Amino acid sequence: MVTDLSPEQLVKFARAHPYQRFPVVEAGKPVGILARKELEAALAEKRQPKLDPLVMCLPQETIGQLQSKLIESTSLMVVILDQPGGRVLGLVTFHDMLRAQVLLAREGAT
């Protein structure tokens, strides 16, 4: 998770993490998703990065609800929160969902 959008911290964060998208938390609250391309562009142009909208899901929601949110998400990521506007528990990417479906299909074929 990105908690500091200062240029110095973004450079350190980008070097330390190979991922393409990151949840952004400010003052303990999730506020959006930062894409690596946007992070790099913002650093090159010396400006604040633009965040993609946060798509969130609560633990009690169904896999079907999560899938719908994931499909609608522009970042291909859903952040799991403990409550609306609450603490980040984890995240699910489109790739995670595909991997799970492949595993289920393999198990069903055996």
PDB file of N, CA and C in Angstrom:
ATOM      1  N   MET A   1       0.831  -1.179   0.000  1.00  0.00           N
ATOM      2  CA  MET A   1       0.000   0.000   0.000  1.00  0.00           C
ATOM      3  C   MET A   1       0.875   1.242   0.000  1.00  0.00           C
ATOM      4  N   VAL A   2       0.448   2.212  -0.768  1.00  0.00           N
ATOM      5  CA  VAL A   2       1.118   3.513  -0.781  1.00  0.00           C
ATOM      6  C   VAL A   2       0.466   4.377   0.291  1.00  0.00           C
ATOM      7  N   THR A   3       1.291   4.931   1.180  1.00  0.00           N
ATOM      8  CA  THR A   3       0.768   5.807   2.226  1.00  0.00           C
ATOM      9  C   THR A   3       1.348   7.213   2.148  1.00  0.00           C
ATOM     10  N   ASP A   4       2.280   7.420   1.223  1.00  0.00           N
ATOM     11  CA  ASP A   4       2.933   8.725   1.085  1.00  0.00           C
ATOM     12  C   ASP A   4       3.150   8.984  -0.405  1.00  0.00           C
ATOM     13  N   LEU A   5       2.518  10.032  -0.928  1.00  0.00           N
ATOM     14  CA  LEU A   5       2.616  10.348  -2.361  1.00  0.00           C
ATOM     15  C   LEU A   5       3.714  11.362  -2.675  1.00  0.00           C
ATOM     16  N   SER A   6       4.616  11.591  -1.740  1.00  0.00           N
ATOM     17  CA  SER A   6       5.726  12.506  -2.026  1.00  0.00           C
ATOM     18  C   SER A   6       6.642  11.857  -3.061  1.00  0.00           C
ATOM     19  N   PRO A   7       7.255  12.658  -3.923  1.00  0.00           N
ATOM     20  CA  PRO A   7       8.119  12.086  -4.974  1.00  0.00           C
ATOM     21  C   PRO A   7       9.206  11.166  -4.427  1.00  0.00           C
ATOM     22  N   GLU A   8       9.839  11.549  -3.337  1.00  0.00           N
ATOM     23  CA  GLU A   8      10.917  10.728  -2.773  1.00  0.00           C
ATOM     24  C   GLU A   8      10.404   9.349  -2.358  1.00  0.00           C
ATOM     25  N   GLN A   9       9.258   9.322  -1.720  1.00  0.00           N
ATOM     26  CA  GLN A   9       8.703   8.056  -1.269  1.00  0.00           C
ATOM     27  C   GLN A   9       8.174   7.214  -2.429  1.00  0.00           C
ATOM     28  N   LEU A  10       7.629   7.882  -3.460  1.00  0.00           N
ATOM     29  CA  LEU A  10       7.154   7.142  -4.626  1.00  0.00           C
ATOM     30  C   LEU A  10       8.306   6.455  -5.350  1.00  0.00           C
ATOM     31  N   VAL A  11       9.443   7.121  -5.450  1.00  0.00           N
ATOM     32  CA  VAL A  11      10.617   6.510  -6.084  1.00  0.00           C
ATOM     33  C   VAL A  11      11.039   5.276  -5.299  1.00  0.00           C
ATOM     34  N   LYS A  12      11.142   5.392  -3.980  1.00  0.00           N
ATOM     35  CA  LYS A  12      11.524   4.255  -3.130  1.00  0.00           C
ATOM     36  C   LYS A  12      10.513   3.118  -3.257  1.00  0.00           C
ATOM     37  N   PHE A  13       9.241   3.472  -3.240  1.00  0.00           N
ATOM     38  CA  PHE A  13       8.184   2.473  -3.315  1.00  0.00           C
ATOM     39  C   PHE A  13       8.245   1.721  -4.647  1.00  0.00           C
ATOM     40  N   ALA A  14       8.391   2.454  -5.738  1.00  0.00           N
ATOM     41  CA  ALA A  14       8.432   1.830  -7.070  1.00  0.00           C
ATOM     42  C   ALA A  14       9.619   0.882  -7.191  1.00  0.00           C
ATOM     43  N   ARG A  15      10.739   1.250  -6.621  1.00  0.00           N
ATOM     44  CA  ARG A  15      11.927   0.387  -6.678  1.00  0.00           C
ATOM     45  C   ARG A  15      11.748  -0.873  -5.833  1.00  0.00           C
ATOM     46  N   ALA A  16      11.030  -0.757  -4.739  1.00  0.00           N
ATOM     47  CA  ALA A  16      10.877  -1.874  -3.812  1.00  0.00           C
ATOM     48  C   ALA A  16       9.787  -2.866  -4.205  1.00  0.00           C
ATOM     49  N   HIS A  17       8.847  -2.439  -5.058  1.00  0.00           N
ATOM     50  CA  HIS A  17       7.693  -3.284  -5.377  1.00  0.00           C
ATOM     51  C   HIS A  17       7.506  -3.395  -6.893  1.00  0.00           C
ATOM     52  N   PRO A  18       7.473  -4.619  -7.421  1.00  0.00           N
ATOM     53  CA  PRO A  18       7.381  -4.805  -8.879  1.00  0.00           C
ATOM     54  C   PRO A  18       5.971  -4.737  -9.456  1.00  0.00           C
ATOM     55  N   TYR A  19       4.966  -4.546  -8.623  1.00  0.00           N
ATOM     56  CA  TYR A  19       3.585  -4.651  -9.076  1.00  0.00           C
ATOM     57  C   TYR A  19       3.171  -3.479  -9.954  1.00  0.00           C
ATOM     58  N   GLN A  20       2.028  -3.639 -10.627  1.00  0.00           N
ATOM     59  CA  GLN A  20       1.546  -2.620 -11.556  1.00  0.00           C
ATOM     60  C   GLN A  20       0.518  -1.675 -10.940  1.00  0.00           C
ATOM     61  N   ARG A  21      -0.122  -2.089  -9.849  1.00  0.00           N
ATOM     62  CA  ARG A  21      -1.157  -1.253  -9.216  1.00  0.00           C
ATOM     63  C   ARG A  21      -1.054  -1.389  -7.704  1.00  0.00           C
ATOM     64  N   PHE A  22      -1.349  -0.261  -7.031  1.00  0.00           N
ATOM     65  CA  PHE A  22      -1.206  -0.226  -5.585  1.00  0.00           C
ATOM     66  C   PHE A  22      -2.368   0.530  -4.953  1.00  0.00           C
ATOM     67  N   PRO A  23      -2.958  -0.010  -3.876  1.00  0.00           N
ATOM     68  CA  PRO A  23      -3.944   0.768  -3.141  1.00  0.00           C
ATOM     69  C   PRO A  23      -3.241   1.947  -2.456  1.00  0.00           C
ATOM     70  N   VAL A  24      -3.932   3.082  -2.383  1.00  0.00           N
ATOM     71  CA  VAL A  24      -3.387   4.267  -1.723  1.00  0.00           C
ATOM     72  C   VAL A  24      -4.240   4.544  -0.486  1.00  0.00           C
ATOM     73  N   VAL A  25      -3.559   4.710   0.654  1.00  0.00           N
ATOM     74  CA  VAL A  25      -4.221   4.984   1.919  1.00  0.00           C
ATOM     75  C   VAL A  25      -3.690   6.303   2.452  1.00  0.00           C
ATOM     76  N   GLU A  26      -4.610   7.212   2.775  1.00  0.00           N
ATOM     77  CA  GLU A  26      -4.246   8.497   3.369  1.00  0.00           C
ATOM     78  C   GLU A  26      -4.994   8.635   4.686  1.00  0.00           C
ATOM     79  N   ALA A  27      -4.274   9.003   5.735  1.00  0.00           N
ATOM     80  CA  ALA A  27      -4.860   9.163   7.074  1.00  0.00           C
ATOM     81  C   ALA A  27      -5.646   7.919   7.487  1.00  0.00           C
ATOM     82  N   GLY A  28      -5.122   6.746   7.126  1.00  0.00           N
ATOM     83  CA  GLY A  28      -5.750   5.497   7.513  1.00  0.00           C
ATOM     84  C   GLY A  28      -6.939   5.070   6.676  1.00  0.00           C
ATOM     85  N   LYS A  29      -7.302   5.871   5.669  1.00  0.00           N
ATOM     86  CA  LYS A  29      -8.474   5.563   4.842  1.00  0.00           C
ATOM     87  C   LYS A  29      -8.031   5.284   3.398  1.00  0.00           C
ATOM     88  N   PRO A  30      -8.559   4.221   2.790  1.00  0.00           N
ATOM     89  CA  PRO A  30      -8.256   3.961   1.382  1.00  0.00           C
ATOM     90  C   PRO A  30      -8.900   5.033   0.501  1.00  0.00           C
ATOM     91  N   VAL A  31      -8.116   5.572  -0.460  1.00  0.00           N
ATOM     92  CA  VAL A  31      -8.626   6.673  -1.282  1.00  0.00           C
ATOM     93  C   VAL A  31      -8.590   6.394  -2.780  1.00  0.00           C
ATOM     94  N   GLY A  32      -7.865   5.390  -3.220  1.00  0.00           N
ATOM     95  CA  GLY A  32      -7.800   5.118  -4.652  1.00  0.00           C
ATOM     96  C   GLY A  32      -6.736   4.085  -4.970  1.00  0.00           C
ATOM     97  N   ILE A  33      -6.517   3.907  -6.265  1.00  0.00           N
ATOM     98  CA  ILE A  33      -5.530   2.961  -6.782  1.00  0.00           C
ATOM     99  C   ILE A  33      -4.531   3.734  -7.630  1.00  0.00           C
ATOM    100  N   LEU A  34      -3.254   3.479  -7.411  1.00  0.00           N
ATOM    101  CA  LEU A  34      -2.191   4.120  -8.178  1.00  0.00           C
ATOM    102  C   LEU A  34      -1.589   3.103  -9.137  1.00  0.00           C
ATOM    103  N   ALA A  35      -1.653   3.393 -10.421  1.00  0.00           N
ATOM    104  CA  ALA A  35      -1.050   2.533 -11.440  1.00  0.00           C
ATOM    105  C   ALA A  35       0.420   2.908 -11.611  1.00  0.00           C
ATOM    106  N   ARG A  36       1.262   1.925 -11.844  1.00  0.00           N
ATOM    107  CA  ARG A  36       2.700   2.180 -12.010  1.00  0.00           C
ATOM    108  C   ARG A  36       2.965   3.176 -13.136  1.00  0.00           C
ATOM    109  N   LYS A  37       2.256   3.045 -14.246  1.00  0.00           N
ATOM    110  CA  LYS A  37       2.475   3.979 -15.362  1.00  0.00           C
ATOM    111  C   LYS A  37       2.183   5.412 -14.940  1.00  0.00           C
ATOM    112  N   GLU A  38       1.129   5.602 -14.162  1.00  0.00           N
ATOM    113  CA  GLU A  38       0.787   6.933 -13.670  1.00  0.00           C
ATOM    114  C   GLU A  38       1.817   7.420 -12.663  1.00  0.00           C
ATOM    115  N   LEU A  39       2.290   6.535 -11.809  1.00  0.00           N
ATOM    116  CA  LEU A  39       3.341   6.878 -10.854  1.00  0.00           C
ATOM    117  C   LEU A  39       4.563   7.393 -11.597  1.00  0.00           C
ATOM    118  N   GLU A  40       4.998   6.652 -12.616  1.00  0.00           N
ATOM    119  CA  GLU A  40       6.184   7.047 -13.387  1.00  0.00           C
ATOM    120  C   GLU A  40       5.960   8.347 -14.147  1.00  0.00           C
ATOM    121  N   ALA A  41       4.768   8.519 -14.736  1.00  0.00           N
ATOM    122  CA  ALA A  41       4.467   9.758 -15.463  1.00  0.00           C
ATOM    123  C   ALA A  41       4.455  10.953 -14.520  1.00  0.00           C
ATOM    124  N   ALA A  42       3.862  10.789 -13.355  1.00  0.00           N
ATOM    125  CA  ALA A  42       3.799  11.883 -12.378  1.00  0.00           C
ATOM    126  C   ALA A  42       5.200  12.283 -11.920  1.00  0.00           C
ATOM    127  N   LEU A  43       6.057  11.308 -11.692  1.00  0.00           N
ATOM    128  CA  LEU A  43       7.431  11.623 -11.304  1.00  0.00           C
ATOM    129  C   LEU A  43       8.164  12.355 -12.420  1.00  0.00           C
ATOM    130  N   ALA A  44       8.009  11.879 -13.653  1.00  0.00           N
ATOM    131  CA  ALA A  44       8.689  12.508 -14.797  1.00  0.00           C
ATOM    132  C   ALA A  44       8.198  13.928 -15.029  1.00  0.00           C
ATOM    133  N   GLU A  45       6.900  14.160 -14.809  1.00  0.00           N
ATOM    134  CA  GLU A  45       6.292  15.474 -15.045  1.00  0.00           C
ATOM    135  C   GLU A  45       6.254  16.344 -13.791  1.00  0.00           C
ATOM    136  N   LYS A  46       6.807  15.820 -12.685  1.00  0.00           N
ATOM    137  CA  LYS A  46       6.869  16.557 -11.413  1.00  0.00           C
ATOM    138  C   LYS A  46       5.496  17.066 -10.961  1.00  0.00           C
ATOM    139  N   ARG A  47       4.551  16.139 -10.878  1.00  0.00           N
ATOM    140  CA  ARG A  47       3.186  16.475 -10.463  1.00  0.00           C
ATOM    141  C   ARG A  47       2.652  15.376  -9.567  1.00  0.00           C
ATOM    142  N   GLN A  48       1.547  15.653  -8.900  1.00  0.00           N
ATOM    143  CA  GLN A  48       0.873  14.642  -8.090  1.00  0.00           C
ATOM    144  C   GLN A  48       0.280  13.579  -9.007  1.00  0.00           C
ATOM    145  N   PRO A  49       0.362  12.324  -8.632  1.00  0.00           N
ATOM    146  CA  PRO A  49      -0.248  11.283  -9.463  1.00  0.00           C
ATOM    147  C   PRO A  49      -1.769  11.316  -9.371  1.00  0.00           C
ATOM    148  N   LYS A  50      -2.402  10.935 -10.464  1.00  0.00           N
ATOM    149  CA  LYS A  50      -3.859  10.795 -10.503  1.00  0.00           C
ATOM    150  C   LYS A  50      -4.194   9.363 -10.095  1.00  0.00           C
ATOM    151  N   LEU A  51      -5.175   9.227  -9.246  1.00  0.00           N
ATOM    152  CA  LEU A  51      -5.559   7.911  -8.753  1.00  0.00           C
ATOM    153  C   LEU A  51      -6.778   7.389  -9.497  1.00  0.00           C
ATOM    154  N   ASP A  52      -6.786   6.082  -9.739  1.00  0.00           N
ATOM    155  CA  ASP A  52      -7.976   5.418 -10.257  1.00  0.00           C
ATOM    156  C   ASP A  52      -8.958   5.275  -9.104  1.00  0.00           C
ATOM    157  N   PRO A  53     -10.248   5.211  -9.420  1.00  0.00           N
ATOM    158  CA  PRO A  53     -11.241   5.053  -8.348  1.00  0.00           C
ATOM    159  C   PRO A  53     -11.033   3.754  -7.579  1.00  0.00           C
ATOM    160  N   LEU A  54     -11.296   3.820  -6.302  1.00  0.00           N
ATOM    161  CA  LEU A  54     -11.217   2.644  -5.446  1.00  0.00           C
ATOM    162  C   LEU A  54     -12.501   1.837  -5.600  1.00  0.00           C
ATOM    163  N   VAL A  55     -12.351   0.565  -5.875  1.00  0.00           N
ATOM    164  CA  VAL A  55     -13.487  -0.356  -5.880  1.00  0.00           C
ATOM    165  C   VAL A  55     -13.260  -1.271  -4.692  1.00  0.00           C
ATOM    166  N   MET A  56     -14.228  -1.307  -3.797  1.00  0.00           N
ATOM    167  CA  MET A  56     -14.041  -2.063  -2.572  1.00  0.00           C
ATOM    168  C   MET A  56     -15.121  -3.123  -2.395  1.00  0.00           C
ATOM    169  N   CYS A  57     -14.769  -4.078  -1.558  1.00  0.00           N
ATOM    170  CA  CYS A  57     -15.659  -5.195  -1.242  1.00  0.00           C
ATOM    171  C   CYS A  57     -15.506  -5.474   0.247  1.00  0.00           C
ATOM    172  N   LEU A  58     -16.560  -5.919   0.871  1.00  0.00           N
ATOM    173  CA  LEU A  58     -16.533  -6.287   2.282  1.00  0.00           C
ATOM    174  C   LEU A  58     -16.449  -7.807   2.415  1.00  0.00           C
ATOM    175  N   PRO A  59     -15.880  -8.309   3.494  1.00  0.00           N
ATOM    176  CA  PRO A  59     -15.701  -9.763   3.645  1.00  0.00           C
ATOM    177  C   PRO A  59     -16.987 -10.578   3.528  1.00  0.00           C
ATOM    178  N   GLN A  60     -18.114 -10.014   3.907  1.00  0.00           N
ATOM    179  CA  GLN A  60     -19.363 -10.771   3.867  1.00  0.00           C
ATOM    180  C   GLN A  60     -19.989 -10.843   2.466  1.00  0.00           C
ATOM    181  N   GLU A  61     -19.426 -10.128   1.492  1.00  0.00           N
ATOM    182  CA  GLU A  61     -19.966 -10.181   0.135  1.00  0.00           C
ATOM    183  C   GLU A  61     -19.599 -11.506  -0.527  1.00  0.00           C
ATOM    184  N   THR A  62     -20.415 -11.914  -1.479  1.00  0.00           N
ATOM    185  CA  THR A  62     -20.213 -13.204  -2.157  1.00  0.00           C
ATOM    186  C   THR A  62     -19.143 -13.088  -3.241  1.00  0.00           C
ATOM    187  N   ILE A  63     -18.662 -14.236  -3.667  1.00  0.00           N
ATOM    188  CA  ILE A  63     -17.703 -14.273  -4.777  1.00  0.00           C
ATOM    189  C   ILE A  63     -18.341 -13.671  -6.027  1.00  0.00           C
ATOM    190  N   GLY A  64     -19.611 -13.929  -6.247  1.00  0.00           N
ATOM    191  CA  GLY A  64     -20.310 -13.354  -7.403  1.00  0.00           C
ATOM    192  C   GLY A  64     -20.307 -11.829  -7.351  1.00  0.00           C
ATOM    193  N   GLN A  65     -20.550 -11.264  -6.183  1.00  0.00           N
ATOM    194  CA  GLN A  65     -20.512  -9.813  -6.034  1.00  0.00           C
ATOM    195  C   GLN A  65     -19.104  -9.289  -6.291  1.00  0.00           C
ATOM    196  N   LEU A  66     -18.109  -9.996  -5.759  1.00  0.00           N
ATOM    197  CA  LEU A  66     -16.714  -9.612  -5.985  1.00  0.00           C
ATOM    198  C   LEU A  66     -16.378  -9.657  -7.471  1.00  0.00           C
ATOM    199  N   GLN A  67     -16.800 -10.703  -8.162  1.00  0.00           N
ATOM    200  CA  GLN A  67     -16.530 -10.820  -9.591  1.00  0.00           C
ATOM    201  C   GLN A  67     -17.133  -9.656 -10.365  1.00  0.00           C
ATOM    202  N   SER A  68     -18.356  -9.293 -10.052  1.00  0.00           N
ATOM    203  CA  SER A  68     -19.007  -8.166 -10.741  1.00  0.00           C
ATOM    204  C   SER A  68     -18.236  -6.880 -10.527  1.00  0.00           C
ATOM    205  N   LYS A  69     -17.807  -6.649  -9.303  1.00  0.00           N
ATOM    206  CA  LYS A  69     -17.030  -5.435  -9.006  1.00  0.00           C
ATOM    207  C   LYS A  69     -15.690  -5.450  -9.726  1.00  0.00           C
ATOM    208  N   LEU A  70     -15.081  -6.608  -9.791  1.00  0.00           N
ATOM    209  CA  LEU A  70     -13.789  -6.744 -10.454  1.00  0.00           C
ATOM    210  C   LEU A  70     -13.900  -6.435 -11.941  1.00  0.00           C
ATOM    211  N   ILE A  71     -14.946  -6.915 -12.567  1.00  0.00           N
ATOM    212  CA  ILE A  71     -15.171  -6.671 -13.993  1.00  0.00           C
ATOM    213  C   ILE A  71     -15.404  -5.187 -14.252  1.00  0.00           C
ATOM    214  N   GLU A  72     -16.097  -4.503 -13.357  1.00  0.00           N
ATOM    215  CA  GLU A  72     -16.399  -3.080 -13.513  1.00  0.00           C
ATOM    216  C   GLU A  72     -15.227  -2.176 -13.147  1.00  0.00           C
ATOM    217  N   SER A  73     -14.241  -2.696 -12.438  1.00  0.00           N
ATOM    218  CA  SER A  73     -13.121  -1.898 -11.953  1.00  0.00           C
ATOM    219  C   SER A  73     -12.181  -1.507 -13.092  1.00  0.00           C
ATOM    220  N   THR A  74     -11.865  -0.227 -13.192  1.00  0.00           N
ATOM    221  CA  THR A  74     -10.915   0.222 -14.225  1.00  0.00           C
ATOM    222  C   THR A  74      -9.487  -0.207 -13.899  1.00  0.00           C
ATOM    223  N   SER A  75      -9.215  -0.492 -12.633  1.00  0.00           N
ATOM    224  CA  SER A  75      -7.869  -0.900 -12.232  1.00  0.00           C
ATOM    225  C   SER A  75      -7.705  -2.421 -12.218  1.00  0.00           C
ATOM    226  N   LEU A  76      -8.776  -3.160 -12.476  1.00  0.00           N
ATOM    227  CA  LEU A  76      -8.765  -4.626 -12.426  1.00  0.00           C
ATOM    228  C   LEU A  76      -8.341  -5.124 -11.047  1.00  0.00           C
ATOM    229  N   MET A  77      -8.755  -4.361 -10.019  1.00  0.00           N
ATOM    230  CA  MET A  77      -8.416  -4.690  -8.644  1.00  0.00           C
ATOM    231  C   MET A  77      -9.576  -4.290  -7.736  1.00  0.00           C
ATOM    232  N   VAL A  78      -9.858  -5.148  -6.766  1.00  0.00           N
ATOM    233  CA  VAL A  78     -10.855  -4.837  -5.743  1.00  0.00           C
ATOM    234  C   VAL A  78     -10.141  -4.912  -4.397  1.00  0.00           C
ATOM    235  N   VAL A  79     -10.328  -3.888  -3.598  1.00  0.00           N
ATOM    236  CA  VAL A  79      -9.713  -3.830  -2.272  1.00  0.00           C
ATOM    237  C   VAL A  79     -10.736  -4.327  -1.252  1.00  0.00           C
ATOM    238  N   ILE A  80     -10.323  -5.276  -0.420  1.00  0.00           N
ATOM    239  CA  ILE A  80     -11.189  -5.821   0.609  1.00  0.00           C
ATOM    240  C   ILE A  80     -10.997  -4.987   1.883  1.00  0.00           C
ATOM    241  N   LEU A  81     -12.106  -4.409   2.373  1.00  0.00           N
ATOM    242  CA  LEU A  81     -12.062  -3.571   3.577  1.00  0.00           C
ATOM    243  C   LEU A  81     -12.829  -4.240   4.706  1.00  0.00           C
ATOM    244  N   ASP A  82     -12.451  -3.937   5.942  1.00  0.00           N
ATOM    245  CA  ASP A  82     -13.162  -4.503   7.083  1.00  0.00           C
ATOM    246  C   ASP A  82     -14.544  -3.892   7.252  1.00  0.00           C
ATOM    247  N   GLN A  83     -14.722  -2.651   6.774  1.00  0.00           N
ATOM    248  CA  GLN A  83     -16.008  -1.951   6.795  1.00  0.00           C
ATOM    249  C   GLN A  83     -15.909  -0.811   5.779  1.00  0.00           C
ATOM    250  N   PRO A  84     -17.024  -0.248   5.339  1.00  0.00           N
ATOM    251  CA  PRO A  84     -16.947   0.857   4.376  1.00  0.00           C
ATOM    252  C   PRO A  84     -16.043   1.985   4.899  1.00  0.00           C
ATOM    253  N   GLY A  85     -15.062   2.368   4.100  1.00  0.00           N
ATOM    254  CA  GLY A  85     -14.120   3.412   4.489  1.00  0.00           C
ATOM    255  C   GLY A  85     -13.140   2.977   5.556  1.00  0.00           C
ATOM    256  N   GLY A  86     -13.107   1.678   5.828  1.00  0.00           N
ATOM    257  CA  GLY A  86     -12.290   1.156   6.922  1.00  0.00           C
ATOM    258  C   GLY A  86     -10.910   0.700   6.507  1.00  0.00           C
ATOM    259  N   ARG A  87     -10.403  -0.224   7.275  1.00  0.00           N
ATOM    260  CA  ARG A  87      -9.046  -0.735   7.132  1.00  0.00           C
ATOM    261  C   ARG A  87      -8.958  -1.737   5.975  1.00  0.00           C
ATOM    262  N   VAL A  88      -7.845  -1.690   5.244  1.00  0.00           N
ATOM    263  CA  VAL A  88      -7.606  -2.622   4.138  1.00  0.00           C
ATOM    264  C   VAL A  88      -7.204  -3.973   4.715  1.00  0.00           C
ATOM    265  N   LEU A  89      -7.952  -5.005   4.311  1.00  0.00           N
ATOM    266  CA  LEU A  89      -7.646  -6.373   4.727  1.00  0.00           C
ATOM    267  C   LEU A  89      -6.831  -7.107   3.668  1.00  0.00           C
ATOM    268  N   GLY A  90      -7.046  -6.750   2.418  1.00  0.00           N
ATOM    269  CA  GLY A  90      -6.363  -7.416   1.318  1.00  0.00           C
ATOM    270  C   GLY A  90      -6.872  -6.898  -0.001  1.00  0.00           C
ATOM    271  N   LEU A  91      -6.478  -7.547  -1.074  1.00  0.00           N
ATOM    272  CA  LEU A  91      -6.961  -7.162  -2.393  1.00  0.00           C
ATOM    273  C   LEU A  91      -7.049  -8.375  -3.280  1.00  0.00           C
ATOM    274  N   VAL A  92      -7.901  -8.264  -4.289  1.00  0.00           N
ATOM    275  CA  VAL A  92      -8.087  -9.329  -5.270  1.00  0.00           C
ATOM    276  C   VAL A  92      -7.932  -8.694  -6.641  1.00  0.00           C
ATOM    277  N   THR A  93      -7.088  -9.304  -7.458  1.00  0.00           N
ATOM    278  CA  THR A  93      -6.890  -8.813  -8.818  1.00  0.00           C
ATOM    279  C   THR A  93      -7.633  -9.704  -9.805  1.00  0.00           C
ATOM    280  N   PHE A  94      -7.779  -9.198 -11.002  1.00  0.00           N
ATOM    281  CA  PHE A  94      -8.399  -9.977 -12.072  1.00  0.00           C
ATOM    282  C   PHE A  94      -7.617 -11.271 -12.281  1.00  0.00           C
ATOM    283  N   HIS A  95      -6.295 -11.180 -12.210  1.00  0.00           N
ATOM    284  CA  HIS A  95      -5.435 -12.343 -12.369  1.00  0.00           C
ATOM    285  C   HIS A  95      -5.698 -13.371 -11.268  1.00  0.00           C
ATOM    286  N   ASP A  96      -5.900 -12.911 -10.032  1.00  0.00           N
ATOM    287  CA  ASP A  96      -6.223 -13.827  -8.928  1.00  0.00           C
ATOM    288  C   ASP A  96      -7.499 -14.609  -9.229  1.00  0.00           C
ATOM    289  N   MET A  97      -8.510 -13.904  -9.729  1.00  0.00           N
ATOM    290  CA  MET A  97      -9.789 -14.549 -10.008  1.00  0.00           C
ATOM    291  C   MET A  97      -9.647 -15.582 -11.131  1.00  0.00           C
ATOM    292  N   LEU A  98      -8.912 -15.241 -12.172  1.00  0.00           N
ATOM    293  CA  LEU A  98      -8.690 -16.196 -13.262  1.00  0.00           C
ATOM    294  C   LEU A  98      -7.936 -17.431 -12.775  1.00  0.00           C
ATOM    295  N   ARG A  99      -6.915 -17.212 -11.955  1.00  0.00           N
ATOM    296  CA  ARG A  99      -6.133 -18.322 -11.413  1.00  0.00           C
ATOM    297  C   ARG A  99      -7.037 -19.252 -10.602  1.00  0.00           C
ATOM    298  N   ALA A 100      -7.912 -18.700  -9.780  1.00  0.00           N
ATOM    299  CA  ALA A 100      -8.823 -19.508  -8.966  1.00  0.00           C
ATOM    300  C   ALA A 100      -9.781 -20.305  -9.847  1.00  0.00           C
ATOM    301  N   GLN A 101     -10.285 -19.689 -10.909  1.00  0.00           N
ATOM    302  CA  GLN A 101     -11.210 -20.390 -11.802  1.00  0.00           C
ATOM    303  C   GLN A 101     -10.518 -21.535 -12.531  1.00  0.00           C
ATOM    304  N   VAL A 102      -9.266 -21.342 -12.927  1.00  0.00           N
ATOM    305  CA  VAL A 102      -8.511 -22.403 -13.584  1.00  0.00           C
ATOM    306  C   VAL A 102      -8.309 -23.574 -12.619  1.00  0.00           C
ATOM    307  N   LEU A 103      -7.957 -23.277 -11.373  1.00  0.00           N
ATOM    308  CA  LEU A 103      -7.773 -24.341 -10.381  1.00  0.00           C
ATOM    309  C   LEU A 103      -9.067 -25.117 -10.147  1.00  0.00           C
ATOM    310  N   LEU A 104     -10.175 -24.408 -10.044  1.00  0.00           N
ATOM    311  CA  LEU A 104     -11.468 -25.078  -9.865  1.00  0.00           C
ATOM    312  C   LEU A 104     -11.801 -25.958 -11.059  1.00  0.00           C
ATOM    313  N   ALA A 105     -11.533 -25.470 -12.251  1.00  0.00           N
ATOM    314  CA  ALA A 105     -11.810 -26.250 -13.462  1.00  0.00           C
ATOM    315  C   ALA A 105     -10.946 -27.519 -13.493  1.00  0.00           C
ATOM    316  N   ARG A 106      -9.672 -27.407 -13.094  1.00  0.00           N
ATOM    317  CA  ARG A 106      -8.793 -28.576 -13.067  1.00  0.00           C
ATOM    318  C   ARG A 106      -9.261 -29.607 -12.047  1.00  0.00           C
ATOM    319  N   GLU A 107      -9.680 -29.130 -10.884  1.00  0.00           N
ATOM    320  CA  GLU A 107     -10.165 -30.040  -9.848  1.00  0.00           C
ATOM    321  C   GLU A 107     -11.433 -30.753 -10.295  1.00  0.00           C
ATOM    322  N   GLY A 108     -12.290 -30.044 -11.022  1.00  0.00           N
ATOM    323  CA  GLY A 108     -13.528 -30.635 -11.521  1.00  0.00           C
ATOM    324  C   GLY A 108     -13.289 -31.651 -12.616  1.00  0.00           C
ATOM    325  N   ALA A 109     -12.169 -31.540 -13.320  1.00  0.00           N
ATOM    326  CA  ALA A 109     -11.858 -32.435 -14.439  1.00  0.00           C
ATOM    327  C   ALA A 109     -11.216 -33.750 -13.942  1.00  0.00           C
ATOM    328  N   THR A 110     -10.786 -33.774 -12.691  1.00  0.00           N
ATOM    329  CA  THR A 110     -10.120 -34.986 -12.207  1.00  0.00           C
ATOM    330  C   THR A 110     -11.037 -35.902 -11.457  1.00  0.00           C
TER     331      THR A 110
END
